Amino acid sequence: MNDLQKQNKPILLSGIQPSGHLALGNYVGAMRNWVQLQENYLGIFMVVDMHAITVRQKPADLRNRCLSFAAQYLAAGIDPKESIIFIQSHVPQHAQLAWVLNCYTYMGELNRMTQFKDKSQRHADNINAGLYTYPALMAADILLYQTDLVPVGADQKQHLELTRDIAARFNSTFSPTFKIPEPFIPEAGARIMSLQDVDKKMSKSDDNVNNYIALLDPPAVLRKKIKRAVTDSASEITPESLNRPGIGNLLTIYSVLNDMPPLDVVSSFEGQQYSGFKNELADALVAFLEPFQQRYDTIMNDKGYLSGILDEGAARARYMASKTISKVYRKLGFVPPGPA
């Protein structure tokens, strides 16, 4: 496919913050969809390291996670020939537009953001301005690329609504500048819950490592986590098992790994003991993640290849972003710089 054909594709943008460990929930909820969508959309997939520093980070760990997350995007099947993969801080226009949008975002709007309230409670010793204005940077991420569609979960829907409001406000104040992005809501799919706290969604940043299945967990760790996963007082699989939070979550995971309807999984294991099913699930999980981990190791062992993809992705992103920021600066009345 040539560049002109790619430009005619609608643009889909998403990113993951490099904190914790990419988990099975991230693959099912985001990365798997990215791979399926890249044929029909120009996918722009970021590692959003600028968002990560609203919480204190160890610099060496942050650098390593950024590269690791990018390699996992590739190992999951993101094609750098079809999509754009880059690290957010490699495109300075994100920060440039974020400042402009800060000036077109009202404090009352930021005060209503539930994520700020939640994170402030979890990081009470570090309630910084970046945490408060985080939605303006997220709006810049989206609006820089004249994005058509943004995959959203429940936790980000409020931020996308604010992005749309900011874009409409700027467009009304000046003239049409930003495309108003639409939410992309995938077909209802599996929702992967915590292995130990079954009322919560699986989170890559959970303090308890036994709550999530990391995509890079070695086989022995995977087996141990599944063995320890919370179930209930029953002992064997029945048609009602899908409605029981603990065992229902494990059945859902098996259905995802084997691309089977959950009811078919229940039929296959009906009457089996939980312990036997857990062993089968652990085997399926190891078999599913083994080729992913092999691809990941190959990519991480070829630093030149990974750096080349990230450099090329950032160059393509900067080109697209520069057109938007030039238009914004001109409408604001900023004096354009002379030739270098």
C-alpha atoms as a PDB file:
ATOM      1  CA  MET A   1       0.000   0.000   0.000  1.00  0.00           C
ATOM      2  CA  ASN A   2       1.389   3.416  -0.970  1.00  0.00           C
ATOM      3  CA  ASP A   3       1.418   6.572   1.186  1.00  0.00           C
ATOM      4  CA  LEU A   4      -1.514   8.120  -0.695  1.00  0.00           C
ATOM      5  CA  GLN A   5      -3.712   5.122   0.054  1.00  0.00           C
ATOM      6  CA  LYS A   6      -2.698   5.267   3.710  1.00  0.00           C
ATOM      7  CA  GLN A   7      -3.576   8.960   3.869  1.00  0.00           C
ATOM      8  CA  ASN A   8      -7.091   8.135   2.680  1.00  0.00           C
ATOM      9  CA  LYS A   9      -7.641   5.776   5.571  1.00  0.00           C
ATOM     10  CA  PRO A  10      -9.478   7.122   8.630  1.00  0.00           C
ATOM     11  CA  ILE A  11      -7.085   7.744  11.518  1.00  0.00           C
ATOM     12  CA  LEU A  12      -7.355   5.748  14.717  1.00  0.00           C
ATOM     13  CA  LEU A  13      -5.220   6.739  17.710  1.00  0.00           C
ATOM     14  CA  SER A  14      -4.492   4.989  20.972  1.00  0.00           C
ATOM     15  CA  GLY A  15      -1.720   4.614  23.510  1.00  0.00           C
ATOM     16  CA  ILE A  16      -0.767   2.940  26.764  1.00  0.00           C
ATOM     17  CA  GLN A  17       1.053   4.505  29.683  1.00  0.00           C
ATOM     18  CA  PRO A  18       4.387   2.762  30.413  1.00  0.00           C
ATOM     19  CA  SER A  19       3.687   1.840  34.010  1.00  0.00           C
ATOM     20  CA  GLY A  20       3.538  -1.601  35.541  1.00  0.00           C
ATOM     21  CA  HIS A  21       3.530  -4.589  33.189  1.00  0.00           C
ATOM     22  CA  LEU A  22       1.395  -5.049  30.087  1.00  0.00           C
ATOM     23  CA  ALA A  23      -1.191  -7.609  31.074  1.00  0.00           C
ATOM     24  CA  LEU A  24      -3.617  -9.972  29.404  1.00  0.00           C
ATOM     25  CA  GLY A  25      -6.334  -7.390  30.033  1.00  0.00           C
ATOM     26  CA  ASN A  26      -4.397  -4.851  27.921  1.00  0.00           C
ATOM     27  CA  TYR A  27      -4.052  -7.373  25.105  1.00  0.00           C
ATOM     28  CA  VAL A  28      -7.738  -8.309  25.102  1.00  0.00           C
ATOM     29  CA  GLY A  29      -9.055  -4.794  25.652  1.00  0.00           C
ATOM     30  CA  ALA A  30      -6.694  -2.858  23.375  1.00  0.00           C
ATOM     31  CA  MET A  31      -3.797  -4.478  21.527  1.00  0.00           C
ATOM     32  CA  ARG A  32      -5.779  -7.299  19.926  1.00  0.00           C
ATOM     33  CA  ASN A  33      -8.233  -4.724  18.543  1.00  0.00           C
ATOM     34  CA  TRP A  34      -5.371  -2.571  17.213  1.00  0.00           C
ATOM     35  CA  VAL A  35      -4.043  -5.499  15.208  1.00  0.00           C
ATOM     36  CA  GLN A  36      -7.472  -6.237  13.734  1.00  0.00           C
ATOM     37  CA  LEU A  37      -8.139  -2.576  12.864  1.00  0.00           C
ATOM     38  CA  GLN A  38      -4.843  -1.658  11.205  1.00  0.00           C
ATOM     39  CA  GLU A  39      -5.944  -2.989   7.822  1.00  0.00           C
ATOM     40  CA  ASN A  40      -8.801  -0.476   7.585  1.00  0.00           C
ATOM     41  CA  TYR A  41      -7.378   2.422   9.616  1.00  0.00           C
ATOM     42  CA  LEU A  42      -4.123   4.312   9.804  1.00  0.00           C
ATOM     43  CA  GLY A  43      -3.269   3.327  13.354  1.00  0.00           C
ATOM     44  CA  ILE A  44      -1.228   5.726  15.461  1.00  0.00           C
ATOM     45  CA  PHE A  45      -0.070   3.833  18.530  1.00  0.00           C
ATOM     46  CA  MET A  46       1.923   5.624  21.205  1.00  0.00           C
ATOM     47  CA  VAL A  47       3.822   4.770  24.339  1.00  0.00           C
ATOM     48  CA  VAL A  48       2.640   7.756  26.376  1.00  0.00           C
ATOM     49  CA  ASP A  49       5.664   8.430  28.577  1.00  0.00           C
ATOM     50  CA  MET A  50       4.767  12.105  29.150  1.00  0.00           C
ATOM     51  CA  HIS A  51       1.573  11.024  30.890  1.00  0.00           C
ATOM     52  CA  ALA A  52       3.542   8.596  33.049  1.00  0.00           C
ATOM     53  CA  ILE A  53       5.485  11.295  34.907  1.00  0.00           C
ATOM     54  CA  THR A  54       2.392  12.611  36.697  1.00  0.00           C
ATOM     55  CA  VAL A  55       3.471   9.851  39.096  1.00  0.00           C
ATOM     56  CA  ARG A  56       7.116   9.737  40.191  1.00  0.00           C
ATOM     57  CA  GLN A  57       9.178   7.340  38.060  1.00  0.00           C
ATOM     58  CA  LYS A  58      12.673   5.909  38.295  1.00  0.00           C
ATOM     59  CA  PRO A  59      14.340   7.188  35.092  1.00  0.00           C
ATOM     60  CA  ALA A  60      16.073   3.932  34.164  1.00  0.00           C
ATOM     61  CA  ASP A  61      12.888   1.937  34.743  1.00  0.00           C
ATOM     62  CA  LEU A  62      10.836   4.363  32.646  1.00  0.00           C
ATOM     63  CA  ARG A  63      13.297   4.139  29.726  1.00  0.00           C
ATOM     64  CA  ASN A  64      13.303   0.351  29.859  1.00  0.00           C
ATOM     65  CA  ARG A  65       9.508   0.102  30.049  1.00  0.00           C
ATOM     66  CA  CYS A  66       9.056   2.448  27.060  1.00  0.00           C
ATOM     67  CA  LEU A  67      11.217   0.211  24.880  1.00  0.00           C
ATOM     68  CA  SER A  68       9.632  -2.938  26.296  1.00  0.00           C
ATOM     69  CA  PHE A  69       6.086  -1.700  25.647  1.00  0.00           C
ATOM     70  CA  ALA A  70       6.955  -0.716  22.066  1.00  0.00           C
ATOM     71  CA  ALA A  71       8.467  -4.176  21.496  1.00  0.00           C
ATOM     72  CA  GLN A  72       5.316  -5.779  22.890  1.00  0.00           C
ATOM     73  CA  TYR A  73       3.165  -3.728  20.481  1.00  0.00           C
ATOM     74  CA  LEU A  74       5.217  -5.229  17.651  1.00  0.00           C
ATOM     75  CA  ALA A  75       5.178  -8.734  19.121  1.00  0.00           C
ATOM     76  CA  ALA A  76       1.382  -8.540  19.356  1.00  0.00           C
ATOM     77  CA  GLY A  77       1.203  -7.961  15.598  1.00  0.00           C
ATOM     78  CA  ILE A  78       1.244  -4.200  15.014  1.00  0.00           C
ATOM     79  CA  ASP A  79       2.773  -3.783  11.547  1.00  0.00           C
ATOM     80  CA  PRO A  80       5.079  -0.730  11.323  1.00  0.00           C
ATOM     81  CA  LYS A  81       4.498  -0.651   7.555  1.00  0.00           C
ATOM     82  CA  GLU A  82       0.769  -0.154   8.104  1.00  0.00           C
ATOM     83  CA  SER A  83       0.751   1.740  11.411  1.00  0.00           C
ATOM     84  CA  ILE A  84       2.785   4.395  13.200  1.00  0.00           C
ATOM     85  CA  ILE A  85       4.457   3.410  16.479  1.00  0.00           C
ATOM     86  CA  PHE A  86       6.383   5.962  18.522  1.00  0.00           C
ATOM     87  CA  ILE A  87       7.195   7.267  21.980  1.00  0.00           C
ATOM     88  CA  GLN A  88       5.180  10.361  22.892  1.00  0.00           C
ATOM     89  CA  SER A  89       8.096  12.480  24.110  1.00  0.00           C
ATOM     90  CA  HIS A  90       9.817  12.051  20.719  1.00  0.00           C
ATOM     91  CA  VAL A  91       7.183  14.375  19.202  1.00  0.00           C
ATOM     92  CA  PRO A  92       7.517  17.812  20.851  1.00  0.00           C
ATOM     93  CA  GLN A  93       4.261  19.050  19.322  1.00  0.00           C
ATOM     94  CA  HIS A  94       2.381  17.120  22.019  1.00  0.00           C
ATOM     95  CA  ALA A  95       3.704  19.486  24.680  1.00  0.00           C
ATOM     96  CA  GLN A  96       3.290  22.529  22.417  1.00  0.00           C
ATOM     97  CA  LEU A  97      -0.377  21.879  21.733  1.00  0.00           C
ATOM     98  CA  ALA A  98      -1.053  20.820  25.327  1.00  0.00           C
ATOM     99  CA  TRP A  99      -0.092  24.316  26.531  1.00  0.00           C
ATOM    100  CA  VAL A 100      -2.395  25.949  23.988  1.00  0.00           C
ATOM    101  CA  LEU A 101      -5.269  23.675  24.979  1.00  0.00           C
ATOM    102  CA  ASN A 102      -4.642  24.391  28.662  1.00  0.00           C
ATOM    103  CA  CYS A 103      -5.588  27.961  27.797  1.00  0.00           C
ATOM    104  CA  TYR A 104      -8.863  26.799  26.222  1.00  0.00           C
ATOM    105  CA  THR A 105      -9.864  24.388  28.986  1.00  0.00           C
ATOM    106  CA  TYR A 106     -11.874  25.652  31.941  1.00  0.00           C
ATOM    107  CA  MET A 107     -11.020  24.776  35.523  1.00  0.00           C
ATOM    108  CA  GLY A 108     -14.611  23.765  36.103  1.00  0.00           C
ATOM    109  CA  GLU A 109     -14.206  21.124  33.413  1.00  0.00           C
ATOM    110  CA  LEU A 110     -10.992  19.788  34.961  1.00  0.00           C
ATOM    111  CA  ASN A 111     -12.625  19.775  38.402  1.00  0.00           C
ATOM    112  CA  ARG A 112     -15.195  17.294  37.118  1.00  0.00           C
ATOM    113  CA  MET A 113     -12.618  14.758  35.923  1.00  0.00           C
ATOM    114  CA  THR A 114     -13.041  11.654  38.057  1.00  0.00           C
ATOM    115  CA  GLN A 115      -9.576  10.264  37.247  1.00  0.00           C
ATOM    116  CA  PHE A 116      -7.948  13.288  38.914  1.00  0.00           C
ATOM    117  CA  LYS A 117      -9.953  12.623  42.054  1.00  0.00           C
ATOM    118  CA  ASP A 118      -9.080   8.924  42.020  1.00  0.00           C
ATOM    119  CA  LYS A 119      -5.359   9.447  41.400  1.00  0.00           C
ATOM    120  CA  SER A 120      -5.180  12.226  43.985  1.00  0.00           C
ATOM    121  CA  GLN A 121      -6.419   9.810  46.601  1.00  0.00           C
ATOM    122  CA  ARG A 122      -3.903   7.147  45.552  1.00  0.00           C
ATOM    123  CA  HIS A 123      -0.974   9.619  45.371  1.00  0.00           C
ATOM    124  CA  ALA A 124      -1.861  12.076  48.101  1.00  0.00           C
ATOM    125  CA  ASP A 125       1.804  13.050  48.598  1.00  0.00           C
ATOM    126  CA  ASN A 126       2.172  14.150  44.957  1.00  0.00           C
ATOM    127  CA  ILE A 127      -0.933  16.012  43.771  1.00  0.00           C
ATOM    128  CA  ASN A 128       0.794  17.982  41.018  1.00  0.00           C
ATOM    129  CA  ALA A 129      -0.451  20.353  38.320  1.00  0.00           C
ATOM    130  CA  GLY A 130       0.310  17.786  35.594  1.00  0.00           C
ATOM    131  CA  LEU A 131      -2.063  15.333  37.209  1.00  0.00           C
ATOM    132  CA  TYR A 132      -4.724  18.054  37.152  1.00  0.00           C
ATOM    133  CA  THR A 133      -4.174  19.156  33.538  1.00  0.00           C
ATOM    134  CA  TYR A 134      -3.562  15.619  32.217  1.00  0.00           C
ATOM    135  CA  PRO A 135      -6.786  15.787  30.113  1.00  0.00           C
ATOM    136  CA  ALA A 136      -5.431  18.745  28.108  1.00  0.00           C
ATOM    137  CA  LEU A 137      -2.369  16.699  27.136  1.00  0.00           C
ATOM    138  CA  MET A 138      -4.619  13.796  26.214  1.00  0.00           C
ATOM    139  CA  ALA A 139      -6.678  16.179  24.055  1.00  0.00           C
ATOM    140  CA  ALA A 140      -3.466  17.323  22.357  1.00  0.00           C
ATOM    141  CA  ASP A 141      -2.481  13.705  21.689  1.00  0.00           C
ATOM    142  CA  ILE A 142      -5.751  13.173  19.836  1.00  0.00           C
ATOM    143  CA  LEU A 143      -6.243  16.510  18.079  1.00  0.00           C
ATOM    144  CA  LEU A 144      -2.678  16.777  16.738  1.00  0.00           C
ATOM    145  CA  TYR A 145      -3.336  14.042  14.191  1.00  0.00           C
ATOM    146  CA  GLN A 146      -6.834  15.089  13.073  1.00  0.00           C
ATOM    147  CA  THR A 147      -7.932  11.782  14.553  1.00  0.00           C
ATOM    148  CA  ASP A 148     -11.196  10.244  13.388  1.00  0.00           C
ATOM    149  CA  LEU A 149     -11.623   7.538  15.990  1.00  0.00           C
ATOM    150  CA  VAL A 150     -10.363   6.891  19.511  1.00  0.00           C
ATOM    151  CA  PRO A 151     -10.949   3.514  21.188  1.00  0.00           C
ATOM    152  CA  VAL A 152     -12.319   4.289  24.630  1.00  0.00           C
ATOM    153  CA  GLY A 153     -13.093   2.327  27.733  1.00  0.00           C
ATOM    154  CA  ALA A 154     -15.285   3.533  30.565  1.00  0.00           C
ATOM    155  CA  ASP A 155     -12.315   5.131  32.356  1.00  0.00           C
ATOM    156  CA  GLN A 156     -11.400   7.375  29.396  1.00  0.00           C
ATOM    157  CA  LYS A 157     -14.835   8.261  28.020  1.00  0.00           C
ATOM    158  CA  GLN A 158     -14.998  11.443  30.103  1.00  0.00           C
ATOM    159  CA  HIS A 159     -11.636  12.624  28.746  1.00  0.00           C
ATOM    160  CA  LEU A 160     -12.713  12.090  25.140  1.00  0.00           C
ATOM    161  CA  GLU A 161     -15.888  14.074  25.753  1.00  0.00           C
ATOM    162  CA  LEU A 162     -13.740  16.921  27.101  1.00  0.00           C
ATOM    163  CA  THR A 163     -11.455  16.656  24.043  1.00  0.00           C
ATOM    164  CA  ARG A 164     -14.477  17.078  21.790  1.00  0.00           C
ATOM    165  CA  ASP A 165     -15.623  20.111  23.792  1.00  0.00           C
ATOM    166  CA  ILE A 166     -12.172  21.749  23.632  1.00  0.00           C
ATOM    167  CA  ALA A 167     -11.914  21.143  19.872  1.00  0.00           C
ATOM    168  CA  ALA A 168     -15.381  22.591  19.253  1.00  0.00           C
ATOM    169  CA  ARG A 169     -14.552  25.637  21.419  1.00  0.00           C
ATOM    170  CA  PHE A 170     -11.318  26.325  19.522  1.00  0.00           C
ATOM    171  CA  ASN A 171     -13.012  25.804  16.162  1.00  0.00           C
ATOM    172  CA  SER A 172     -15.800  28.199  17.154  1.00  0.00           C
ATOM    173  CA  THR A 173     -13.399  30.847  18.474  1.00  0.00           C
ATOM    174  CA  PHE A 174     -11.254  30.860  15.330  1.00  0.00           C
ATOM    175  CA  SER A 175     -12.372  28.695  12.425  1.00  0.00           C
ATOM    176  CA  PRO A 176     -12.422  24.944  11.738  1.00  0.00           C
ATOM    177  CA  THR A 177      -9.006  23.712  12.878  1.00  0.00           C
ATOM    178  CA  PHE A 178      -9.470  20.357  14.578  1.00  0.00           C
ATOM    179  CA  LYS A 179     -11.411  17.326  13.449  1.00  0.00           C
ATOM    180  CA  ILE A 180     -13.910  16.378  16.157  1.00  0.00           C
ATOM    181  CA  PRO A 181     -12.945  12.809  17.110  1.00  0.00           C
ATOM    182  CA  GLU A 182     -15.513  10.092  17.540  1.00  0.00           C
ATOM    183  CA  PRO A 183     -15.335   7.333  20.138  1.00  0.00           C
ATOM    184  CA  PHE A 184     -14.598   3.875  18.796  1.00  0.00           C
ATOM    185  CA  ILE A 185     -16.429   1.360  20.945  1.00  0.00           C
ATOM    186  CA  PRO A 186     -15.500  -2.204  19.950  1.00  0.00           C
ATOM    187  CA  GLU A 187     -18.127  -4.894  19.896  1.00  0.00           C
ATOM    188  CA  ALA A 188     -18.821  -6.097  23.393  1.00  0.00           C
ATOM    189  CA  GLY A 189     -15.988  -8.442  24.190  1.00  0.00           C
ATOM    190  CA  ALA A 190     -14.407 -10.221  27.098  1.00  0.00           C
ATOM    191  CA  ARG A 191     -13.766  -8.265  30.256  1.00  0.00           C
ATOM    192  CA  ILE A 192     -10.787  -9.686  32.128  1.00  0.00           C
ATOM    193  CA  MET A 193     -10.947  -9.276  35.886  1.00  0.00           C
ATOM    194  CA  SER A 194      -8.330  -9.453  38.630  1.00  0.00           C
ATOM    195  CA  LEU A 195      -7.308 -12.971  39.623  1.00  0.00           C
ATOM    196  CA  GLN A 196      -7.502 -12.248  43.340  1.00  0.00           C
ATOM    197  CA  ASP A 197      -9.948  -9.341  43.592  1.00  0.00           C
ATOM    198  CA  VAL A 198     -12.602 -10.522  41.157  1.00  0.00           C
ATOM    199  CA  ASP A 199     -14.757  -7.400  41.447  1.00  0.00           C
ATOM    200  CA  LYS A 200     -12.010  -5.248  39.874  1.00  0.00           C
ATOM    201  CA  LYS A 201     -10.771  -5.153  36.293  1.00  0.00           C
ATOM    202  CA  MET A 202      -7.295  -6.641  35.751  1.00  0.00           C
ATOM    203  CA  SER A 203      -4.768  -3.787  35.960  1.00  0.00           C
ATOM    204  CA  LYS A 204      -1.159  -3.752  34.767  1.00  0.00           C
ATOM    205  CA  SER A 205      -0.269  -1.364  37.608  1.00  0.00           C
ATOM    206  CA  ASP A 206      -1.767  -3.420  40.433  1.00  0.00           C
ATOM    207  CA  ASP A 207       0.476  -3.541  43.499  1.00  0.00           C
ATOM    208  CA  ASN A 208      -0.279  -7.250  43.912  1.00  0.00           C
ATOM    209  CA  VAL A 209       1.464  -9.145  41.091  1.00  0.00           C
ATOM    210  CA  ASN A 210      -0.853 -12.122  41.657  1.00  0.00           C
ATOM    211  CA  ASN A 211      -3.807 -10.041  40.472  1.00  0.00           C
ATOM    212  CA  TYR A 212      -2.731  -9.873  36.829  1.00  0.00           C
ATOM    213  CA  ILE A 213      -1.308 -12.055  34.070  1.00  0.00           C
ATOM    214  CA  ALA A 214       1.646 -10.178  32.582  1.00  0.00           C
ATOM    215  CA  LEU A 215       2.287 -10.871  28.910  1.00  0.00           C
ATOM    216  CA  LEU A 216       5.929 -11.551  29.767  1.00  0.00           C
ATOM    217  CA  ASP A 217       5.342 -13.826  32.770  1.00  0.00           C
ATOM    218  CA  PRO A 218       7.393 -17.036  32.414  1.00  0.00           C
ATOM    219  CA  PRO A 219       5.490 -20.367  32.357  1.00  0.00           C
ATOM    220  CA  ALA A 220       6.170 -21.266  36.003  1.00  0.00           C
ATOM    221  CA  VAL A 221       4.820 -17.894  37.157  1.00  0.00           C
ATOM    222  CA  LEU A 222       1.751 -18.195  34.924  1.00  0.00           C
ATOM    223  CA  ARG A 223       0.948 -21.634  36.321  1.00  0.00           C
ATOM    224  CA  LYS A 224       1.346 -20.446  39.903  1.00  0.00           C
ATOM    225  CA  LYS A 225      -0.924 -17.428  39.366  1.00  0.00           C
ATOM    226  CA  ILE A 226      -3.675 -19.539  37.808  1.00  0.00           C
ATOM    227  CA  LYS A 227      -3.402 -22.147  40.558  1.00  0.00           C
ATOM    228  CA  ARG A 228      -3.833 -19.400  43.193  1.00  0.00           C
ATOM    229  CA  ALA A 229      -6.638 -17.583  41.357  1.00  0.00           C
ATOM    230  CA  VAL A 230      -9.742 -17.047  43.467  1.00  0.00           C
ATOM    231  CA  THR A 231     -12.798 -19.139  42.626  1.00  0.00           C
ATOM    232  CA  ASP A 232     -15.691 -19.926  45.020  1.00  0.00           C
ATOM    233  CA  SER A 233     -17.041 -22.590  47.351  1.00  0.00           C
ATOM    234  CA  ALA A 234     -18.193 -24.881  44.530  1.00  0.00           C
ATOM    235  CA  SER A 235     -15.729 -27.423  43.158  1.00  0.00           C
ATOM    236  CA  GLU A 236     -16.785 -28.344  39.606  1.00  0.00           C
ATOM    237  CA  ILE A 237     -17.790 -26.604  36.378  1.00  0.00           C
ATOM    238  CA  THR A 238     -21.552 -26.254  35.854  1.00  0.00           C
ATOM    239  CA  PRO A 239     -23.712 -24.164  33.475  1.00  0.00           C
ATOM    240  CA  GLU A 240     -23.971 -21.568  36.271  1.00  0.00           C
ATOM    241  CA  SER A 241     -20.183 -21.212  36.542  1.00  0.00           C
ATOM    242  CA  LEU A 242     -20.050 -18.339  34.043  1.00  0.00           C
ATOM    243  CA  ASN A 243     -22.115 -16.229  36.442  1.00  0.00           C
ATOM    244  CA  ARG A 244     -19.783 -16.883  39.370  1.00  0.00           C
ATOM    245  CA  PRO A 245     -17.195 -14.050  39.459  1.00  0.00           C
ATOM    246  CA  GLY A 246     -13.992 -16.049  40.086  1.00  0.00           C
ATOM    247  CA  ILE A 247     -14.439 -19.183  38.017  1.00  0.00           C
ATOM    248  CA  GLY A 248     -16.431 -17.197  35.445  1.00  0.00           C
ATOM    249  CA  ASN A 249     -13.387 -14.967  34.900  1.00  0.00           C
ATOM    250  CA  LEU A 250     -11.137 -17.987  34.358  1.00  0.00           C
ATOM    251  CA  LEU A 251     -13.623 -19.482  31.883  1.00  0.00           C
ATOM    252  CA  THR A 252     -13.672 -16.142  30.047  1.00  0.00           C
ATOM    253  CA  ILE A 253      -9.869 -16.130  29.852  1.00  0.00           C
ATOM    254  CA  TYR A 254      -9.911 -19.657  28.402  1.00  0.00           C
ATOM    255  CA  SER A 255     -12.509 -18.578  25.824  1.00  0.00           C
ATOM    256  CA  VAL A 256     -10.295 -15.665  24.727  1.00  0.00           C
ATOM    257  CA  LEU A 257      -7.156 -17.778  24.445  1.00  0.00           C
ATOM    258  CA  ASN A 258      -8.919 -20.390  22.309  1.00  0.00           C
ATOM    259  CA  ASP A 259     -11.307 -18.066  20.459  1.00  0.00           C
ATOM    260  CA  MET A 260     -14.290 -20.055  21.733  1.00  0.00           C
ATOM    261  CA  PRO A 261     -17.705 -18.778  22.875  1.00  0.00           C
ATOM    262  CA  PRO A 262     -17.784 -18.925  26.714  1.00  0.00           C
ATOM    263  CA  LEU A 263     -20.802 -21.248  26.671  1.00  0.00           C
ATOM    264  CA  ASP A 264     -18.833 -23.723  24.546  1.00  0.00           C
ATOM    265  CA  VAL A 265     -16.026 -23.628  27.098  1.00  0.00           C
ATOM    266  CA  VAL A 266     -18.489 -24.443  29.870  1.00  0.00           C
ATOM    267  CA  SER A 267     -19.882 -27.335  27.821  1.00  0.00           C
ATOM    268  CA  SER A 268     -16.364 -28.672  27.221  1.00  0.00           C
ATOM    269  CA  PHE A 269     -15.459 -28.678  30.912  1.00  0.00           C
ATOM    270  CA  GLU A 270     -18.848 -29.331  32.511  1.00  0.00           C
ATOM    271  CA  GLY A 271     -18.485 -31.703  35.444  1.00  0.00           C
ATOM    272  CA  GLN A 272     -14.709 -31.232  35.736  1.00  0.00           C
ATOM    273  CA  GLN A 273     -13.116 -30.168  38.998  1.00  0.00           C
ATOM    274  CA  TYR A 274     -11.873 -26.593  39.270  1.00  0.00           C
ATOM    275  CA  SER A 275      -8.352 -27.879  39.852  1.00  0.00           C
ATOM    276  CA  GLY A 276      -8.342 -29.848  36.594  1.00  0.00           C
ATOM    277  CA  PHE A 277      -9.736 -26.906  34.654  1.00  0.00           C
ATOM    278  CA  LYS A 278      -7.079 -24.601  36.125  1.00  0.00           C
ATOM    279  CA  ASN A 279      -4.363 -26.952  34.862  1.00  0.00           C
ATOM    280  CA  GLU A 280      -5.913 -26.885  31.370  1.00  0.00           C
ATOM    281  CA  LEU A 281      -6.140 -23.092  31.507  1.00  0.00           C
ATOM    282  CA  ALA A 282      -2.502 -22.778  32.578  1.00  0.00           C
ATOM    283  CA  ASP A 283      -1.431 -24.991  29.645  1.00  0.00           C
ATOM    284  CA  ALA A 284      -3.497 -22.881  27.240  1.00  0.00           C
ATOM    285  CA  LEU A 285      -2.035 -19.664  28.635  1.00  0.00           C
ATOM    286  CA  VAL A 286       1.550 -20.877  28.278  1.00  0.00           C
ATOM    287  CA  ALA A 287       0.874 -22.057  24.707  1.00  0.00           C
ATOM    288  CA  PHE A 288      -0.760 -18.720  23.834  1.00  0.00           C
ATOM    289  CA  LEU A 289       1.989 -16.499  25.245  1.00  0.00           C
ATOM    290  CA  GLU A 290       5.026 -18.559  24.210  1.00  0.00           C
ATOM    291  CA  PRO A 291       5.145 -17.342  20.561  1.00  0.00           C
ATOM    292  CA  PHE A 292       4.434 -13.776  21.687  1.00  0.00           C
ATOM    293  CA  GLN A 293       7.336 -13.929  24.136  1.00  0.00           C
ATOM    294  CA  GLN A 294       9.643 -15.419  21.476  1.00  0.00           C
ATOM    295  CA  ARG A 295       8.826 -12.556  19.083  1.00  0.00           C
ATOM    296  CA  TYR A 296       9.356 -10.075  21.901  1.00  0.00           C
ATOM    297  CA  ASP A 297      12.777 -11.519  22.779  1.00  0.00           C
ATOM    298  CA  THR A 298      13.849 -11.348  19.114  1.00  0.00           C
ATOM    299  CA  ILE A 299      12.834  -7.680  18.893  1.00  0.00           C
ATOM    300  CA  MET A 300      14.440  -6.682  22.197  1.00  0.00           C
ATOM    301  CA  ASN A 301      17.669  -8.397  21.187  1.00  0.00           C
ATOM    302  CA  ASP A 302      17.833  -6.272  18.019  1.00  0.00           C
ATOM    303  CA  LYS A 303      18.069  -2.756  19.412  1.00  0.00           C
ATOM    304  CA  GLY A 304      18.851  -1.306  15.995  1.00  0.00           C
ATOM    305  CA  TYR A 305      15.636  -2.699  14.543  1.00  0.00           C
ATOM    306  CA  LEU A 306      13.508  -1.388  17.423  1.00  0.00           C
ATOM    307  CA  SER A 307      15.173   2.045  17.415  1.00  0.00           C
ATOM    308  CA  GLY A 308      14.722   2.286  13.654  1.00  0.00           C
ATOM    309  CA  ILE A 309      10.986   1.626  13.898  1.00  0.00           C
ATOM    310  CA  LEU A 310      10.551   4.150  16.713  1.00  0.00           C
ATOM    311  CA  ASP A 311      12.621   6.774  14.887  1.00  0.00           C
ATOM    312  CA  GLU A 312      10.658   6.307  11.666  1.00  0.00           C
ATOM    313  CA  GLY A 313       7.364   6.369  13.554  1.00  0.00           C
ATOM    314  CA  ALA A 314       8.312   9.566  15.377  1.00  0.00           C
ATOM    315  CA  ALA A 315       9.377  11.214  12.104  1.00  0.00           C
ATOM    316  CA  ARG A 316       6.027  10.384  10.493  1.00  0.00           C
ATOM    317  CA  ALA A 317       4.173  11.577  13.593  1.00  0.00           C
ATOM    318  CA  ARG A 318       6.149  14.847  13.730  1.00  0.00           C
ATOM    319  CA  TYR A 319       5.320  15.528  10.084  1.00  0.00           C
ATOM    320  CA  MET A 320       1.592  15.073  10.714  1.00  0.00           C
ATOM    321  CA  ALA A 321       1.687  17.000  14.003  1.00  0.00           C
ATOM    322  CA  SER A 322       3.679  19.908  12.550  1.00  0.00           C
ATOM    323  CA  LYS A 323       0.903  20.662  10.071  1.00  0.00           C
ATOM    324  CA  THR A 324      -1.630  20.950  12.877  1.00  0.00           C
ATOM    325  CA  ILE A 325       0.564  23.011  15.201  1.00  0.00           C
ATOM    326  CA  SER A 326       1.462  25.443  12.393  1.00  0.00           C
ATOM    327  CA  LYS A 327      -2.218  25.985  11.688  1.00  0.00           C
ATOM    328  CA  VAL A 328      -2.966  26.505  15.401  1.00  0.00           C
ATOM    329  CA  TYR A 329      -0.104  28.971  15.912  1.00  0.00           C
ATOM    330  CA  ARG A 330      -1.116  30.972  12.869  1.00  0.00           C
ATOM    331  CA  LYS A 331      -4.701  31.283  14.089  1.00  0.00           C
ATOM    332  CA  LEU A 332      -3.541  32.310  17.580  1.00  0.00           C
ATOM    333  CA  GLY A 333      -1.479  35.137  16.072  1.00  0.00           C
ATOM    334  CA  PHE A 334       1.952  33.790  16.967  1.00  0.00           C
ATOM    335  CA  VAL A 335       4.745  35.259  14.822  1.00  0.00           C
ATOM    336  CA  PRO A 336       6.127  32.522  12.564  1.00  0.00           C
ATOM    337  CA  PRO A 337       9.859  31.850  12.883  1.00  0.00           C
ATOM    338  CA  GLY A 338      12.193  32.874  10.074  1.00  0.00           C
ATOM    339  CA  PRO A 339      14.104  30.327   8.037  1.00  0.00           C
ATOM    340  CA  ALA A 340      16.627  28.336  10.020  1.00  0.00           C
END
